[in-house]
Amino acid sequence: MESFTTAFTVAQSAEAAFQAIIDPKAWWSQEIQGRTDRAGAAFAYHYQDLHRCRIEVVELVPGKRVVWHVLENHFSFTRDTAEWTGTRMVFDITAKGEQTEVRFTHVGLVPDYECYEACSEGWGMYINGSLRTLIATGKGNPNVGEAMTDSERELA
C-alpha cells in the first residue's frame, strides 16, 4: 500500500524550509500545544470535535529532515477512531541548486483508511498551500478553527 506523499519546490534555502516545518502553528493549525522544535518532545493537535492527536518529534536534522510519530489519535468521523495511531509524518528536505524540494510522506496513511480522502485533501492544502507559502513568503495559512477544505466543511 502506498502512503500519502506530496512534494513542492521553493526558491528558499533548505534551512528556511526546515525552520518553517518545525513551526506547525504557522502553517498547520493554531490548535497545537507543546514543543515542536526538539527531538523527544511531544505536542497535541486538535480540530473541533473531529480530530485530536498527540505526536512525538522523533527526528530533527536541520536543513534535511523532520519526522513525527503519532502516539495517540482520535477521529470522531471514522469507525476506527485511532486510524493515525502509529503512523509517521516525514518531511524530507533536499537542496537542488538554488531551489529546495520538500517531500512530505504520511507513512501509514493509505487509501484503505476511511479518513484517507479527507486527510489527503487536508495535507494537500496544508503542505502544498500553507507550508509552501510560509517558506516562500514568511506567512502561512494555518487553521484557526474554521473549516478550510471541502472535507472539513462536510464533517463539521
Protein backbone atom coordinates (compact mmCIF):
# COMPACT_ATOMS: atom_id res chain seq x y z
CA MET A 1 0.00 0.00 0.00
CA GLU A 2 1.24 3.45 -0.90
CA SER A 3 1.40 6.04 1.85
CA PHE A 4 0.26 9.59 1.09
CA THR A 5 3.10 11.66 -0.43
CA THR A 6 3.27 15.15 -1.89
CA ALA A 7 6.13 17.48 -2.75
CA PHE A 8 6.89 21.02 -3.83
CA THR A 9 9.91 23.15 -4.70
CA VAL A 10 10.67 26.67 -3.46
CA ALA A 11 13.40 29.22 -4.14
CA GLN A 12 14.36 29.41 -0.45
CA SER A 13 17.11 27.56 1.40
CA ALA A 14 16.81 24.12 2.96
CA GLU A 15 17.35 25.74 6.37
CA ALA A 16 14.43 28.13 5.76
CA ALA A 17 12.24 25.14 4.85
CA PHE A 18 13.34 23.28 7.99
CA GLN A 19 12.58 26.27 10.24
CA ALA A 20 9.09 26.60 8.72
CA ILE A 21 8.31 22.89 9.09
CA ILE A 22 9.17 22.84 12.80
CA ASP A 23 6.65 25.66 13.40
CA PRO A 24 3.37 23.90 12.51
CA LYS A 25 1.35 26.58 14.32
CA ALA A 26 2.39 28.88 11.45
CA TRP A 27 1.20 26.55 8.67
CA TRP A 28 -0.99 23.70 10.01
CA SER A 29 -3.07 24.85 12.96
CA GLN A 30 -3.17 27.36 15.76
CA GLU A 31 -4.56 24.49 17.89
CA ILE A 32 -1.17 22.93 18.59
CA GLN A 33 0.15 22.80 22.14
CA GLY A 34 3.65 21.73 23.09
CA ARG A 35 7.18 21.85 21.70
CA THR A 36 7.62 21.06 18.03
CA ASP A 37 11.27 22.07 17.72
CA ARG A 38 13.03 19.45 19.87
CA ALA A 39 13.53 15.72 19.25
CA GLY A 40 11.83 13.73 22.01
CA ALA A 41 9.23 16.43 22.63
CA ALA A 42 5.52 15.76 22.10
CA PHE A 43 2.77 18.08 21.00
CA ALA A 44 -1.01 17.89 20.82
CA TYR A 45 -3.23 18.89 17.91
CA HIS A 46 -6.99 19.16 17.74
CA TYR A 47 -9.61 20.37 15.30
CA GLN A 48 -13.05 20.96 16.77
CA ASP A 49 -14.55 17.67 17.97
CA LEU A 50 -13.50 15.91 14.76
CA HIS A 51 -9.81 15.18 15.32
CA ARG A 52 -7.27 15.18 18.09
CA CYS A 53 -3.88 13.55 18.33
CA ARG A 54 -0.63 13.52 20.25
CA ILE A 55 2.55 13.50 18.19
CA GLU A 56 6.18 12.92 19.17
CA VAL A 57 9.02 14.68 17.38
CA VAL A 58 11.35 11.74 16.70
CA GLU A 59 13.91 13.18 14.28
CA LEU A 60 15.21 16.66 13.51
CA VAL A 61 18.10 17.05 11.08
CA PRO A 62 18.46 20.78 10.33
CA GLY A 63 18.03 21.52 6.64
CA LYS A 64 17.39 17.85 5.83
CA ARG A 65 14.63 16.02 7.69
CA VAL A 66 11.80 16.19 10.23
CA VAL A 67 9.94 13.08 11.44
CA TRP A 68 6.87 12.98 13.68
CA HIS A 69 5.30 9.83 15.16
CA VAL A 70 1.59 9.71 16.08
CA LEU A 71 1.35 8.40 19.64
CA GLU A 72 -2.42 8.73 20.03
CA ASN A 73 -5.21 9.67 17.66
CA HIS A 74 -8.95 10.11 17.78
CA PHE A 75 -11.27 10.79 14.84
CA SER A 76 -14.97 11.27 15.53
CA PHE A 77 -15.87 10.53 11.89
CA THR A 78 -14.33 7.07 11.30
CA ARG A 79 -15.26 3.60 12.56
CA ASP A 80 -11.63 3.05 13.63
CA THR A 81 -11.16 6.25 15.60
CA ALA A 82 -7.41 5.59 16.03
CA GLU A 83 -6.51 5.28 12.33
CA TRP A 84 -3.44 7.54 12.53
CA THR A 85 -2.00 5.93 15.69
CA GLY A 86 1.47 4.57 14.92
CA THR A 87 1.82 6.44 11.61
CA ARG A 88 4.66 8.86 10.85
CA MET A 89 4.86 12.18 9.08
CA VAL A 90 8.19 12.54 7.30
CA PHE A 91 9.44 15.79 5.79
CA ASP A 92 12.49 15.28 3.55
CA ILE A 93 14.24 18.49 2.55
CA THR A 94 16.63 18.45 -0.42
CA ALA A 95 18.65 21.34 -1.82
CA LYS A 96 18.54 21.27 -5.62
CA GLY A 97 20.79 24.02 -6.93
CA GLU A 98 19.18 27.30 -5.92
CA GLN A 99 15.89 25.53 -5.17
CA THR A 100 14.76 23.38 -2.26
CA GLU A 101 12.41 20.43 -2.53
CA VAL A 102 10.19 19.50 0.40
CA ARG A 103 8.76 15.98 0.17
CA PHE A 104 6.10 15.08 2.72
CA THR A 105 5.09 11.47 3.30
CA HIS A 106 2.49 10.42 5.85
CA VAL A 107 3.82 6.88 6.28
CA GLY A 108 0.88 4.62 7.06
CA LEU A 109 -1.83 6.93 5.72
CA VAL A 110 -3.01 4.57 2.99
CA PRO A 111 -6.01 4.51 0.62
CA ASP A 112 -7.67 1.74 2.67
CA TYR A 113 -8.10 4.13 5.60
CA GLU A 114 -11.58 5.59 5.98
CA CYS A 115 -10.03 9.03 6.60
CA TYR A 116 -7.78 8.86 3.52
CA GLU A 117 -9.79 11.18 1.27
CA ALA A 118 -10.33 13.85 3.92
CA CYS A 119 -6.79 13.55 5.29
CA SER A 120 -5.06 13.62 1.91
CA GLU A 121 -7.15 16.65 0.91
CA GLY A 122 -6.17 18.36 4.15
CA TRP A 123 -2.47 17.51 3.83
CA GLY A 124 -2.50 18.69 0.23
CA MET A 125 -3.82 22.07 1.30
CA TYR A 126 -1.67 22.46 4.40
CA ILE A 127 1.56 21.19 2.81
CA ASN A 128 1.34 22.42 -0.80
CA GLY A 129 -0.55 25.57 0.16
CA SER A 130 0.14 26.85 3.64
CA LEU A 131 3.62 25.39 4.32
CA ARG A 132 4.84 26.25 0.84
CA THR A 133 3.56 29.81 1.24
CA LEU A 134 5.14 30.12 4.69
CA ILE A 135 8.53 29.12 3.30
CA ALA A 136 8.20 31.34 0.24
CA THR A 137 6.73 34.46 1.88
CA GLY A 138 7.13 34.11 5.64
CA LYS A 139 3.36 33.82 6.19
CA GLY A 140 1.37 30.59 6.15
CA ASN A 141 -2.37 30.00 6.29
CA PRO A 142 -2.89 27.75 9.33
CA ASN A 143 -6.27 26.62 10.54
CA VAL A 144 -7.64 28.96 13.19
CA GLY A 145 -10.70 26.84 14.00
CA GLU A 146 -12.76 27.21 10.83
CA ALA A 147 -13.28 24.58 8.13
CA MET A 148 -10.76 25.15 5.34
CA THR A 149 -11.27 22.18 2.99
CA ASP A 150 -14.40 20.71 1.44
CA SER A 151 -13.99 17.63 3.64
CA GLU A 152 -13.71 19.74 6.80
CA ARG A 153 -16.86 21.66 5.79
CA GLU A 154 -18.75 18.39 5.21
CA LEU A 155 -17.62 16.88 8.51
CA ALA A 156 -18.05 19.98 10.68
